[in-house]
Amino acid sequence: MKGTIKRIWLVLAVVLISGTWGSTALAQERPKRVVSVTGAGLVQLYEEKPKLGTAVFRGGLGLEYEKVTSPSSSFYVTPAITFSRKLLGVRATVGLKNYFKPTAPQGLWWGVYGSFGAGADWGTEEDWGASVSMVGAGVNMGYKYLLGENLTAEWSCGAIYLQRSGKDIDVGGLGPTVAIKLGWAF
């Protein structure tokens, strides 16, 4: 497991360095908004039940709207469908991105966000349809490429603490996140 984590960090470092050096030159007037389709994955490492150290994959598909608020920052909101082996629901994420250079919405950034959602448990017959709520907060870092005048490609990774509550369950855990986005800037 430790070797795998080291490889992941190495790949992320290479992508980050290549993105910083390989970015296209900015036009005089940068876009102020970006709409992206996002696919995100989260491996949540529970601290408590069902068992210490249990990893659960959660995925999602969303539509992100990002608005530049200053030359080096932006605000975003992402409604999404979320799913796992035992859960289907909806989620909303709101966050801030802080770009390292005044090049928003392009370049290397770090951010903070909050996420909340609701869903239905579909894991067992006795829990089928039981209401589940989720709330979380996280930090992330990524790079957004502006390909041509309008097309964008973005990747990010980070960490989130997610709390899940519902029928006979109240668990929380810290886990890594990864997201890939394709969008249109205007």
C-alpha atoms as a PDB file:
ATOM      1  CA  MET A   1       0.000   0.000   0.000  1.00  0.00           C
ATOM      2  CA  LYS A   2       2.815   2.452   0.865  1.00  0.00           C
ATOM      3  CA  GLY A   3       4.462   1.864  -2.533  1.00  0.00           C
ATOM      4  CA  THR A   4       1.196   2.582  -4.325  1.00  0.00           C
ATOM      5  CA  ILE A   5       0.700   5.862  -2.455  1.00  0.00           C
ATOM      6  CA  LYS A   6       4.267   6.944  -3.279  1.00  0.00           C
ATOM      7  CA  ARG A   7       3.633   6.209  -6.977  1.00  0.00           C
ATOM      8  CA  ILE A   8       0.419   8.233  -6.931  1.00  0.00           C
ATOM      9  CA  TRP A   9       2.218  11.254  -5.399  1.00  0.00           C
ATOM     10  CA  LEU A  10       5.029  10.891  -7.971  1.00  0.00           C
ATOM     11  CA  VAL A  11       2.549  10.865 -10.879  1.00  0.00           C
ATOM     12  CA  LEU A  12       0.727  13.891  -9.433  1.00  0.00           C
ATOM     13  CA  ALA A  13       4.036  15.777  -9.075  1.00  0.00           C
ATOM     14  CA  VAL A  14       4.961  15.049 -12.715  1.00  0.00           C
ATOM     15  CA  VAL A  15       1.521  16.186 -13.938  1.00  0.00           C
ATOM     16  CA  LEU A  16       1.741  19.330 -11.824  1.00  0.00           C
ATOM     17  CA  ILE A  17       5.211  20.233 -13.104  1.00  0.00           C
ATOM     18  CA  SER A  18       4.334  19.491 -16.732  1.00  0.00           C
ATOM     19  CA  GLY A  19       1.148  21.543 -16.445  1.00  0.00           C
ATOM     20  CA  THR A  20       2.980  24.503 -14.943  1.00  0.00           C
ATOM     21  CA  TRP A  21       5.560  24.557 -17.736  1.00  0.00           C
ATOM     22  CA  GLY A  22       3.368  23.381 -20.594  1.00  0.00           C
ATOM     23  CA  SER A  23       0.431  25.743 -20.249  1.00  0.00           C
ATOM     24  CA  THR A  24      -0.574  27.834 -23.224  1.00  0.00           C
ATOM     25  CA  ALA A  25      -0.124  31.602 -23.165  1.00  0.00           C
ATOM     26  CA  LEU A  26      -3.077  33.549 -21.849  1.00  0.00           C
ATOM     27  CA  ALA A  27      -5.099  35.768 -24.100  1.00  0.00           C
ATOM     28  CA  GLN A  28      -5.471  39.421 -23.145  1.00  0.00           C
ATOM     29  CA  GLU A  29      -9.061  38.946 -22.010  1.00  0.00           C
ATOM     30  CA  ARG A  30      -9.484  35.723 -20.031  1.00  0.00           C
ATOM     31  CA  PRO A  31     -12.858  33.994 -19.714  1.00  0.00           C
ATOM     32  CA  LYS A  32     -14.816  34.818 -16.548  1.00  0.00           C
ATOM     33  CA  ARG A  33     -16.958  31.663 -16.303  1.00  0.00           C
ATOM     34  CA  VAL A  34     -16.476  27.949 -16.869  1.00  0.00           C
ATOM     35  CA  VAL A  35     -19.070  25.181 -17.039  1.00  0.00           C
ATOM     36  CA  SER A  36     -17.559  21.712 -16.640  1.00  0.00           C
ATOM     37  CA  VAL A  37     -18.726  18.132 -16.566  1.00  0.00           C
ATOM     38  CA  THR A  38     -16.991  16.478 -13.661  1.00  0.00           C
ATOM     39  CA  GLY A  39     -16.366  12.886 -12.753  1.00  0.00           C
ATOM     40  CA  ALA A  40     -15.148  12.482  -9.197  1.00  0.00           C
ATOM     41  CA  GLY A  41     -14.074   9.607  -7.025  1.00  0.00           C
ATOM     42  CA  LEU A  42     -13.595   9.370  -3.316  1.00  0.00           C
ATOM     43  CA  VAL A  43     -12.186   6.568  -1.236  1.00  0.00           C
ATOM     44  CA  GLN A  44     -13.453   7.179   2.267  1.00  0.00           C
ATOM     45  CA  LEU A  45     -11.474   5.685   5.119  1.00  0.00           C
ATOM     46  CA  TYR A  46     -13.873   5.259   8.028  1.00  0.00           C
ATOM     47  CA  GLU A  47     -12.597   5.990  11.527  1.00  0.00           C
ATOM     48  CA  GLU A  48     -15.406   4.164  13.295  1.00  0.00           C
ATOM     49  CA  LYS A  49     -18.076   1.722  12.112  1.00  0.00           C
ATOM     50  CA  PRO A  50     -18.373  -0.416  10.078  1.00  0.00           C
ATOM     51  CA  LYS A  51     -14.750  -1.178  11.007  1.00  0.00           C
ATOM     52  CA  LEU A  52     -11.628   0.891  11.621  1.00  0.00           C
ATOM     53  CA  GLY A  53      -9.742   1.320   8.366  1.00  0.00           C
ATOM     54  CA  THR A  54     -12.599   0.213   6.087  1.00  0.00           C
ATOM     55  CA  ALA A  55     -12.335   1.825   2.646  1.00  0.00           C
ATOM     56  CA  VAL A  56     -15.479   2.575   0.626  1.00  0.00           C
ATOM     57  CA  PHE A  57     -15.410   3.958  -2.926  1.00  0.00           C
ATOM     58  CA  ARG A  58     -17.901   6.691  -3.778  1.00  0.00           C
ATOM     59  CA  GLY A  59     -18.296   8.151  -7.223  1.00  0.00           C
ATOM     60  CA  GLY A  60     -20.184  11.024  -8.717  1.00  0.00           C
ATOM     61  CA  LEU A  61     -21.097  12.813 -11.893  1.00  0.00           C
ATOM     62  CA  GLY A  62     -21.754  16.534 -11.737  1.00  0.00           C
ATOM     63  CA  LEU A  63     -21.964  19.837 -13.555  1.00  0.00           C
ATOM     64  CA  GLU A  64     -19.675  22.521 -12.143  1.00  0.00           C
ATOM     65  CA  TYR A  65     -20.209  26.255 -12.610  1.00  0.00           C
ATOM     66  CA  GLU A  66     -17.134  28.368 -11.800  1.00  0.00           C
ATOM     67  CA  LYS A  67     -17.162  32.182 -11.728  1.00  0.00           C
ATOM     68  CA  VAL A  68     -13.979  34.232 -11.536  1.00  0.00           C
ATOM     69  CA  THR A  69     -14.240  36.700  -8.633  1.00  0.00           C
ATOM     70  CA  SER A  70     -10.766  38.277  -8.958  1.00  0.00           C
ATOM     71  CA  PRO A  71      -7.662  37.708 -11.134  1.00  0.00           C
ATOM     72  CA  SER A  72      -6.484  35.015  -8.706  1.00  0.00           C
ATOM     73  CA  SER A  73      -9.671  33.476  -7.254  1.00  0.00           C
ATOM     74  CA  SER A  74     -13.010  31.964  -8.182  1.00  0.00           C
ATOM     75  CA  PHE A  75     -16.166  30.568  -6.608  1.00  0.00           C
ATOM     76  CA  TYR A  76     -17.802  27.339  -7.766  1.00  0.00           C
ATOM     77  CA  VAL A  77     -20.910  25.260  -7.195  1.00  0.00           C
ATOM     78  CA  THR A  78     -21.411  21.664  -8.313  1.00  0.00           C
ATOM     79  CA  PRO A  79     -24.716  19.786  -8.166  1.00  0.00           C
ATOM     80  CA  ALA A  80     -24.077  16.061  -8.666  1.00  0.00           C
ATOM     81  CA  ILE A  81     -25.420  12.550  -8.547  1.00  0.00           C
ATOM     82  CA  THR A  82     -23.455  10.411  -6.093  1.00  0.00           C
ATOM     83  CA  PHE A  83     -23.272   6.646  -5.865  1.00  0.00           C
ATOM     84  CA  SER A  84     -21.498   3.770  -4.211  1.00  0.00           C
ATOM     85  CA  ARG A  85     -22.083   0.071  -3.861  1.00  0.00           C
ATOM     86  CA  LYS A  86     -24.834   0.744  -1.294  1.00  0.00           C
ATOM     87  CA  LEU A  87     -25.982   4.324  -1.866  1.00  0.00           C
ATOM     88  CA  LEU A  88     -27.630   6.490  -4.516  1.00  0.00           C
ATOM     89  CA  GLY A  89     -28.210  10.190  -3.918  1.00  0.00           C
ATOM     90  CA  VAL A  90     -27.726  13.833  -4.832  1.00  0.00           C
ATOM     91  CA  ARG A  91     -25.004  16.160  -3.607  1.00  0.00           C
ATOM     92  CA  ALA A  92     -24.119  19.838  -3.798  1.00  0.00           C
ATOM     93  CA  THR A  93     -20.616  21.192  -3.372  1.00  0.00           C
ATOM     94  CA  VAL A  94     -19.621  24.843  -2.981  1.00  0.00           C
ATOM     95  CA  GLY A  95     -16.052  26.047  -2.845  1.00  0.00           C
ATOM     96  CA  LEU A  96     -13.357  28.600  -3.489  1.00  0.00           C
ATOM     97  CA  LYS A  97     -10.310  28.239  -5.735  1.00  0.00           C
ATOM     98  CA  ASN A  98      -7.229  30.382  -5.143  1.00  0.00           C
ATOM     99  CA  TYR A  99      -4.903  30.500  -8.141  1.00  0.00           C
ATOM    100  CA  PHE A 100      -1.170  30.831  -7.447  1.00  0.00           C
ATOM    101  CA  LYS A 101      -0.840  33.405 -10.246  1.00  0.00           C
ATOM    102  CA  PRO A 102      -3.388  36.048 -11.336  1.00  0.00           C
ATOM    103  CA  THR A 103      -4.496  33.834 -14.251  1.00  0.00           C
ATOM    104  CA  ALA A 104      -7.945  32.629 -13.120  1.00  0.00           C
ATOM    105  CA  PRO A 105      -9.579  30.484 -14.468  1.00  0.00           C
ATOM    106  CA  GLN A 106      -6.370  28.868 -15.738  1.00  0.00           C
ATOM    107  CA  GLY A 107      -3.373  27.494 -13.933  1.00  0.00           C
ATOM    108  CA  LEU A 108      -2.371  25.914 -10.660  1.00  0.00           C
ATOM    109  CA  TRP A 109      -4.815  26.406  -7.777  1.00  0.00           C
ATOM    110  CA  TRP A 110      -5.659  25.275  -4.246  1.00  0.00           C
ATOM    111  CA  GLY A 111      -9.077  25.409  -2.661  1.00  0.00           C
ATOM    112  CA  VAL A 112     -11.484  24.678   0.145  1.00  0.00           C
ATOM    113  CA  TYR A 113     -15.031  23.372  -0.154  1.00  0.00           C
ATOM    114  CA  GLY A 114     -18.082  22.090   1.646  1.00  0.00           C
ATOM    115  CA  SER A 115     -20.357  19.323   0.464  1.00  0.00           C
ATOM    116  CA  PHE A 116     -23.769  18.125   1.552  1.00  0.00           C
ATOM    117  CA  GLY A 117     -26.201  15.598   0.181  1.00  0.00           C
ATOM    118  CA  ALA A 118     -29.016  13.153   0.715  1.00  0.00           C
ATOM    119  CA  GLY A 119     -29.679   9.728  -0.642  1.00  0.00           C
ATOM    120  CA  ALA A 120     -31.233   6.337  -0.227  1.00  0.00           C
ATOM    121  CA  ASP A 121     -29.506   3.219   1.038  1.00  0.00           C
ATOM    122  CA  TRP A 122     -29.907   0.273  -1.329  1.00  0.00           C
ATOM    123  CA  GLY A 123     -27.404  -2.125   0.212  1.00  0.00           C
ATOM    124  CA  THR A 124     -29.673  -4.657   1.933  1.00  0.00           C
ATOM    125  CA  GLU A 125     -33.320  -5.585   1.705  1.00  0.00           C
ATOM    126  CA  GLU A 126     -34.021  -4.373   5.258  1.00  0.00           C
ATOM    127  CA  ASP A 127     -32.344  -0.987   4.590  1.00  0.00           C
ATOM    128  CA  TRP A 128     -33.726  -0.498   1.068  1.00  0.00           C
ATOM    129  CA  GLY A 129     -34.801   3.121   0.656  1.00  0.00           C
ATOM    130  CA  ALA A 130     -33.630   4.229   4.115  1.00  0.00           C
ATOM    131  CA  SER A 131     -32.777   7.930   4.155  1.00  0.00           C
ATOM    132  CA  VAL A 132     -29.098   8.855   4.415  1.00  0.00           C
ATOM    133  CA  SER A 133     -27.566  12.327   4.785  1.00  0.00           C
ATOM    134  CA  MET A 134     -23.971  13.343   4.130  1.00  0.00           C
ATOM    135  CA  VAL A 135     -22.014  16.426   5.079  1.00  0.00           C
ATOM    136  CA  GLY A 136     -18.320  17.112   4.549  1.00  0.00           C
ATOM    137  CA  ALA A 137     -15.522  19.623   4.154  1.00  0.00           C
ATOM    138  CA  GLY A 138     -12.257  19.352   2.301  1.00  0.00           C
ATOM    139  CA  VAL A 139      -9.197  20.863   0.699  1.00  0.00           C
ATOM    140  CA  ASN A 140      -7.952  20.253  -2.811  1.00  0.00           C
ATOM    141  CA  MET A 141      -5.347  21.289  -5.341  1.00  0.00           C
ATOM    142  CA  GLY A 142      -5.454  21.126  -9.103  1.00  0.00           C
ATOM    143  CA  TYR A 143      -4.546  22.535 -12.461  1.00  0.00           C
ATOM    144  CA  LYS A 144      -6.886  23.886 -15.137  1.00  0.00           C
ATOM    145  CA  TYR A 145      -5.685  23.981 -18.738  1.00  0.00           C
ATOM    146  CA  LEU A 146      -7.228  26.373 -21.231  1.00  0.00           C
ATOM    147  CA  LEU A 147      -7.073  24.521 -24.549  1.00  0.00           C
ATOM    148  CA  GLY A 148      -7.547  27.075 -27.298  1.00  0.00           C
ATOM    149  CA  GLU A 149      -9.958  29.897 -26.518  1.00  0.00           C
ATOM    150  CA  ASN A 150     -12.765  28.049 -24.749  1.00  0.00           C
ATOM    151  CA  LEU A 151     -12.132  24.351 -24.065  1.00  0.00           C
ATOM    152  CA  THR A 152     -10.827  23.492 -20.581  1.00  0.00           C
ATOM    153  CA  ALA A 153      -9.397  20.355 -19.006  1.00  0.00           C
ATOM    154  CA  GLU A 154      -8.821  20.111 -15.279  1.00  0.00           C
ATOM    155  CA  TRP A 155      -7.625  17.613 -12.712  1.00  0.00           C
ATOM    156  CA  SER A 156      -7.583  17.886  -8.951  1.00  0.00           C
ATOM    157  CA  CYS A 157      -6.849  15.835  -5.875  1.00  0.00           C
ATOM    158  CA  GLY A 158      -7.363  16.447  -2.205  1.00  0.00           C
ATOM    159  CA  ALA A 159      -8.800  15.210   1.059  1.00  0.00           C
ATOM    160  CA  ILE A 160     -12.266  15.341   2.586  1.00  0.00           C
ATOM    161  CA  TYR A 161     -13.774  14.545   5.944  1.00  0.00           C
ATOM    162  CA  LEU A 162     -17.251  13.125   5.273  1.00  0.00           C
ATOM    163  CA  GLN A 163     -19.919  12.330   7.871  1.00  0.00           C
ATOM    164  CA  ARG A 164     -22.750   9.963   6.920  1.00  0.00           C
ATOM    165  CA  SER A 165     -25.894   9.608   9.032  1.00  0.00           C
ATOM    166  CA  GLY A 166     -29.013   7.523   8.601  1.00  0.00           C
ATOM    167  CA  LYS A 167     -30.951   4.549   9.913  1.00  0.00           C
ATOM    168  CA  ASP A 168     -28.712   2.742  12.408  1.00  0.00           C
ATOM    169  CA  ILE A 169     -25.587   4.399  11.004  1.00  0.00           C
ATOM    170  CA  ASP A 170     -23.482   7.354  11.996  1.00  0.00           C
ATOM    171  CA  VAL A 171     -19.986   7.116  10.543  1.00  0.00           C
ATOM    172  CA  GLY A 172     -17.350   9.575   9.491  1.00  0.00           C
ATOM    173  CA  GLY A 173     -13.979   9.375   7.915  1.00  0.00           C
ATOM    174  CA  LEU A 174     -11.147  11.086   6.139  1.00  0.00           C
ATOM    175  CA  GLY A 175     -10.245  10.103   2.606  1.00  0.00           C
ATOM    176  CA  PRO A 176      -8.530  11.194  -0.596  1.00  0.00           C
ATOM    177  CA  THR A 177     -10.436  12.599  -3.575  1.00  0.00           C
ATOM    178  CA  VAL A 178      -9.644  12.782  -7.287  1.00  0.00           C
ATOM    179  CA  ALA A 179     -11.563  14.650  -9.999  1.00  0.00           C
ATOM    180  CA  ILE A 180     -11.233  15.107 -13.758  1.00  0.00           C
ATOM    181  CA  LYS A 181     -13.232  17.793 -15.571  1.00  0.00           C
ATOM    182  CA  LEU A 182     -13.850  18.896 -19.140  1.00  0.00           C
ATOM    183  CA  GLY A 183     -15.451  22.266 -19.655  1.00  0.00           C
ATOM    184  CA  TRP A 184     -16.236  25.328 -21.708  1.00  0.00           C
ATOM    185  CA  ALA A 185     -14.995  28.766 -20.720  1.00  0.00           C
ATOM    186  CA  PHE A 186     -16.814  31.945 -21.706  1.00  0.00           C
END
